[in-house]
Amino acid sequence: MSAAALKIIIFLLIIAMIASLSGGMYFLMKDSNLPESKRTLYALGMRVTVATALVLTLGYGIYSGKLQNNAPWGDHRAQTTQQ
Protein backbone atom coordinates (compact mmCIF):
# COMPACT_ATOMS: atom_id res chain seq x y z
CA MET A 1 0.00 0.00 0.00
CA SER A 2 1.41 3.37 -0.97
CA ALA A 3 1.62 6.40 1.29
CA ALA A 4 -0.92 8.26 -0.86
CA ALA A 5 -3.46 5.45 -0.52
CA LEU A 6 -2.88 5.38 3.23
CA LYS A 7 -3.51 9.13 3.46
CA ILE A 8 -6.72 8.78 1.44
CA ILE A 9 -7.94 6.02 3.79
CA ILE A 10 -7.14 8.20 6.81
CA PHE A 11 -9.02 11.14 5.25
CA LEU A 12 -12.05 8.95 4.53
CA LEU A 13 -12.03 7.59 8.09
CA ILE A 14 -11.97 11.14 9.48
CA ILE A 15 -14.92 12.07 7.24
CA ALA A 16 -16.77 8.93 8.45
CA MET A 17 -16.04 9.93 12.05
CA ILE A 18 -17.51 13.40 11.50
CA ALA A 19 -20.57 11.90 9.78
CA SER A 20 -21.10 9.48 12.66
CA LEU A 21 -20.72 12.27 15.20
CA SER A 22 -23.24 14.48 13.44
CA GLY A 23 -25.63 11.54 12.98
CA GLY A 24 -25.43 10.79 16.68
CA MET A 25 -26.21 14.39 17.52
CA TYR A 26 -29.18 14.35 15.13
CA PHE A 27 -30.54 11.14 16.67
CA LEU A 28 -30.01 12.51 20.17
CA MET A 29 -32.03 15.63 19.38
CA LYS A 30 -34.76 13.88 17.38
CA ASP A 31 -35.26 10.93 19.75
CA SER A 32 -35.06 12.86 23.03
CA ASN A 33 -38.67 12.06 23.87
CA LEU A 34 -38.38 8.37 22.87
CA PRO A 35 -36.49 6.54 25.65
CA GLU A 36 -36.69 3.17 23.86
CA SER A 37 -34.84 4.45 20.76
CA LYS A 38 -31.31 3.10 20.43
CA ARG A 39 -30.18 5.03 17.37
CA THR A 40 -27.87 7.26 19.42
CA LEU A 41 -26.26 4.17 20.94
CA TYR A 42 -25.74 2.65 17.50
CA ALA A 43 -24.16 5.90 16.26
CA LEU A 44 -21.80 5.79 19.25
CA GLY A 45 -20.87 2.21 18.40
CA MET A 46 -20.17 3.20 14.81
CA ARG A 47 -18.01 6.11 15.97
CA VAL A 48 -16.00 3.84 18.27
CA THR A 49 -15.50 1.39 15.41
CA VAL A 50 -14.36 4.11 13.03
CA ALA A 51 -12.04 5.58 15.67
CA THR A 52 -10.48 2.16 16.26
CA ALA A 53 -9.95 1.70 12.53
CA LEU A 54 -8.39 5.17 12.34
CA VAL A 55 -5.98 4.49 15.21
CA LEU A 56 -5.01 1.12 13.72
CA THR A 57 -4.44 2.71 10.30
CA LEU A 58 -2.28 5.46 11.81
CA GLY A 59 -0.34 2.88 13.80
CA TYR A 60 0.27 0.80 10.69
CA GLY A 61 1.42 3.86 8.75
CA ILE A 62 3.85 4.96 11.43
CA TYR A 63 5.13 1.42 12.09
CA SER A 64 5.69 0.72 8.39
CA GLY A 65 7.41 4.08 7.88
CA LYS A 66 4.93 5.34 5.30
CA LEU A 67 3.72 8.13 7.58
CA GLN A 68 6.36 10.46 8.94
CA ASN A 69 6.43 13.53 11.13
CA ASN A 70 7.25 16.53 8.94
CA ALA A 71 6.39 19.19 11.51
CA PRO A 72 9.28 21.57 12.26
CA TRP A 73 8.70 21.30 16.01
CA GLY A 74 8.67 17.51 16.05
CA ASP A 75 12.09 16.71 14.58
CA HIS A 76 13.75 15.27 17.68
CA ARG A 77 16.08 12.95 15.77
CA ALA A 78 17.86 15.81 14.02
CA GLN A 79 18.58 17.52 17.36
CA THR A 80 20.10 14.42 18.91
CA THR A 81 22.39 13.76 15.94
CA GLN A 82 23.70 17.33 15.88
CA GLN A 83 24.79 17.34 19.51
C-alpha atoms as a PDB file:
ATOM      1  CA  MET A   1       0.000   0.000   0.000  1.00  0.00           C
ATOM      2  CA  SER A   2       1.410   3.370  -0.967  1.00  0.00           C
ATOM      3  CA  ALA A   3       1.625   6.398   1.285  1.00  0.00           C
ATOM      4  CA  ALA A   4      -0.920   8.261  -0.861  1.00  0.00           C
ATOM      5  CA  ALA A   5      -3.459   5.446  -0.521  1.00  0.00           C
ATOM      6  CA  LEU A   6      -2.882   5.382   3.229  1.00  0.00           C
ATOM      7  CA  LYS A   7      -3.507   9.133   3.458  1.00  0.00           C
ATOM      8  CA  ILE A   8      -6.721   8.779   1.443  1.00  0.00           C
ATOM      9  CA  ILE A   9      -7.935   6.018   3.786  1.00  0.00           C
ATOM     10  CA  ILE A  10      -7.144   8.202   6.812  1.00  0.00           C
ATOM     11  CA  PHE A  11      -9.015  11.135   5.254  1.00  0.00           C
ATOM     12  CA  LEU A  12     -12.054   8.948   4.529  1.00  0.00           C
ATOM     13  CA  LEU A  13     -12.031   7.594   8.088  1.00  0.00           C
ATOM     14  CA  ILE A  14     -11.969  11.145   9.476  1.00  0.00           C
ATOM     15  CA  ILE A  15     -14.925  12.067   7.243  1.00  0.00           C
ATOM     16  CA  ALA A  16     -16.768   8.931   8.450  1.00  0.00           C
ATOM     17  CA  MET A  17     -16.041   9.931  12.053  1.00  0.00           C
ATOM     18  CA  ILE A  18     -17.506  13.401  11.503  1.00  0.00           C
ATOM     19  CA  ALA A  19     -20.566  11.902   9.776  1.00  0.00           C
ATOM     20  CA  SER A  20     -21.105   9.481  12.657  1.00  0.00           C
ATOM     21  CA  LEU A  21     -20.724  12.274  15.195  1.00  0.00           C
ATOM     22  CA  SER A  22     -23.242  14.484  13.437  1.00  0.00           C
ATOM     23  CA  GLY A  23     -25.627  11.540  12.977  1.00  0.00           C
ATOM     24  CA  GLY A  24     -25.430  10.788  16.678  1.00  0.00           C
ATOM     25  CA  MET A  25     -26.208  14.388  17.516  1.00  0.00           C
ATOM     26  CA  TYR A  26     -29.177  14.351  15.130  1.00  0.00           C
ATOM     27  CA  PHE A  27     -30.543  11.144  16.670  1.00  0.00           C
ATOM     28  CA  LEU A  28     -30.006  12.514  20.172  1.00  0.00           C
ATOM     29  CA  MET A  29     -32.029  15.627  19.377  1.00  0.00           C
ATOM     30  CA  LYS A  30     -34.756  13.883  17.378  1.00  0.00           C
ATOM     31  CA  ASP A  31     -35.256  10.930  19.750  1.00  0.00           C
ATOM     32  CA  SER A  32     -35.057  12.865  23.025  1.00  0.00           C
ATOM     33  CA  ASN A  33     -38.667  12.057  23.870  1.00  0.00           C
ATOM     34  CA  LEU A  34     -38.377   8.367  22.875  1.00  0.00           C
ATOM     35  CA  PRO A  35     -36.485   6.543  25.650  1.00  0.00           C
ATOM     36  CA  GLU A  36     -36.690   3.175  23.862  1.00  0.00           C
ATOM     37  CA  SER A  37     -34.843   4.452  20.759  1.00  0.00           C
ATOM     38  CA  LYS A  38     -31.307   3.099  20.427  1.00  0.00           C
ATOM     39  CA  ARG A  39     -30.178   5.025  17.365  1.00  0.00           C
ATOM     40  CA  THR A  40     -27.874   7.256  19.425  1.00  0.00           C
ATOM     41  CA  LEU A  41     -26.259   4.175  20.940  1.00  0.00           C
ATOM     42  CA  TYR A  42     -25.741   2.654  17.501  1.00  0.00           C
ATOM     43  CA  ALA A  43     -24.163   5.895  16.262  1.00  0.00           C
ATOM     44  CA  LEU A  44     -21.801   5.793  19.247  1.00  0.00           C
ATOM     45  CA  GLY A  45     -20.865   2.208  18.404  1.00  0.00           C
ATOM     46  CA  MET A  46     -20.170   3.205  14.810  1.00  0.00           C
ATOM     47  CA  ARG A  47     -18.015   6.113  15.973  1.00  0.00           C
ATOM     48  CA  VAL A  48     -15.998   3.844  18.274  1.00  0.00           C
ATOM     49  CA  THR A  49     -15.503   1.385  15.413  1.00  0.00           C
ATOM     50  CA  VAL A  50     -14.360   4.114  13.026  1.00  0.00           C
ATOM     51  CA  ALA A  51     -12.037   5.583  15.674  1.00  0.00           C
ATOM     52  CA  THR A  52     -10.482   2.156  16.263  1.00  0.00           C
ATOM     53  CA  ALA A  53      -9.954   1.702  12.530  1.00  0.00           C
ATOM     54  CA  LEU A  54      -8.389   5.175  12.345  1.00  0.00           C
ATOM     55  CA  VAL A  55      -5.975   4.488  15.207  1.00  0.00           C
ATOM     56  CA  LEU A  56      -5.008   1.119  13.715  1.00  0.00           C
ATOM     57  CA  THR A  57      -4.443   2.711  10.302  1.00  0.00           C
ATOM     58  CA  LEU A  58      -2.283   5.456  11.812  1.00  0.00           C
ATOM     59  CA  GLY A  59      -0.335   2.881  13.804  1.00  0.00           C
ATOM     60  CA  TYR A  60       0.268   0.798  10.690  1.00  0.00           C
ATOM     61  CA  GLY A  61       1.417   3.856   8.749  1.00  0.00           C
ATOM     62  CA  ILE A  62       3.853   4.956  11.433  1.00  0.00           C
ATOM     63  CA  TYR A  63       5.135   1.422  12.088  1.00  0.00           C
ATOM     64  CA  SER A  64       5.692   0.720   8.389  1.00  0.00           C
ATOM     65  CA  GLY A  65       7.407   4.078   7.879  1.00  0.00           C
ATOM     66  CA  LYS A  66       4.925   5.339   5.302  1.00  0.00           C
ATOM     67  CA  LEU A  67       3.717   8.135   7.582  1.00  0.00           C
ATOM     68  CA  GLN A  68       6.362  10.462   8.941  1.00  0.00           C
ATOM     69  CA  ASN A  69       6.433  13.525  11.130  1.00  0.00           C
ATOM     70  CA  ASN A  70       7.246  16.529   8.942  1.00  0.00           C
ATOM     71  CA  ALA A  71       6.393  19.194  11.509  1.00  0.00           C
ATOM     72  CA  PRO A  72       9.281  21.566  12.260  1.00  0.00           C
ATOM     73  CA  TRP A  73       8.696  21.302  16.015  1.00  0.00           C
ATOM     74  CA  GLY A  74       8.668  17.507  16.055  1.00  0.00           C
ATOM     75  CA  ASP A  75      12.085  16.708  14.585  1.00  0.00           C
ATOM     76  CA  HIS A  76      13.747  15.272  17.682  1.00  0.00           C
ATOM     77  CA  ARG A  77      16.078  12.946  15.766  1.00  0.00           C
ATOM     78  CA  ALA A  78      17.862  15.809  14.018  1.00  0.00           C
ATOM     79  CA  GLN A  79      18.579  17.520  17.357  1.00  0.00           C
ATOM     80  CA  THR A  80      20.098  14.421  18.912  1.00  0.00           C
ATOM     81  CA  THR A  81      22.389  13.756  15.935  1.00  0.00           C
ATOM     82  CA  GLN A  82      23.703  17.326  15.876  1.00  0.00           C
ATOM     83  CA  GLN A  83      24.794  17.342  19.509  1.00  0.00           C
END
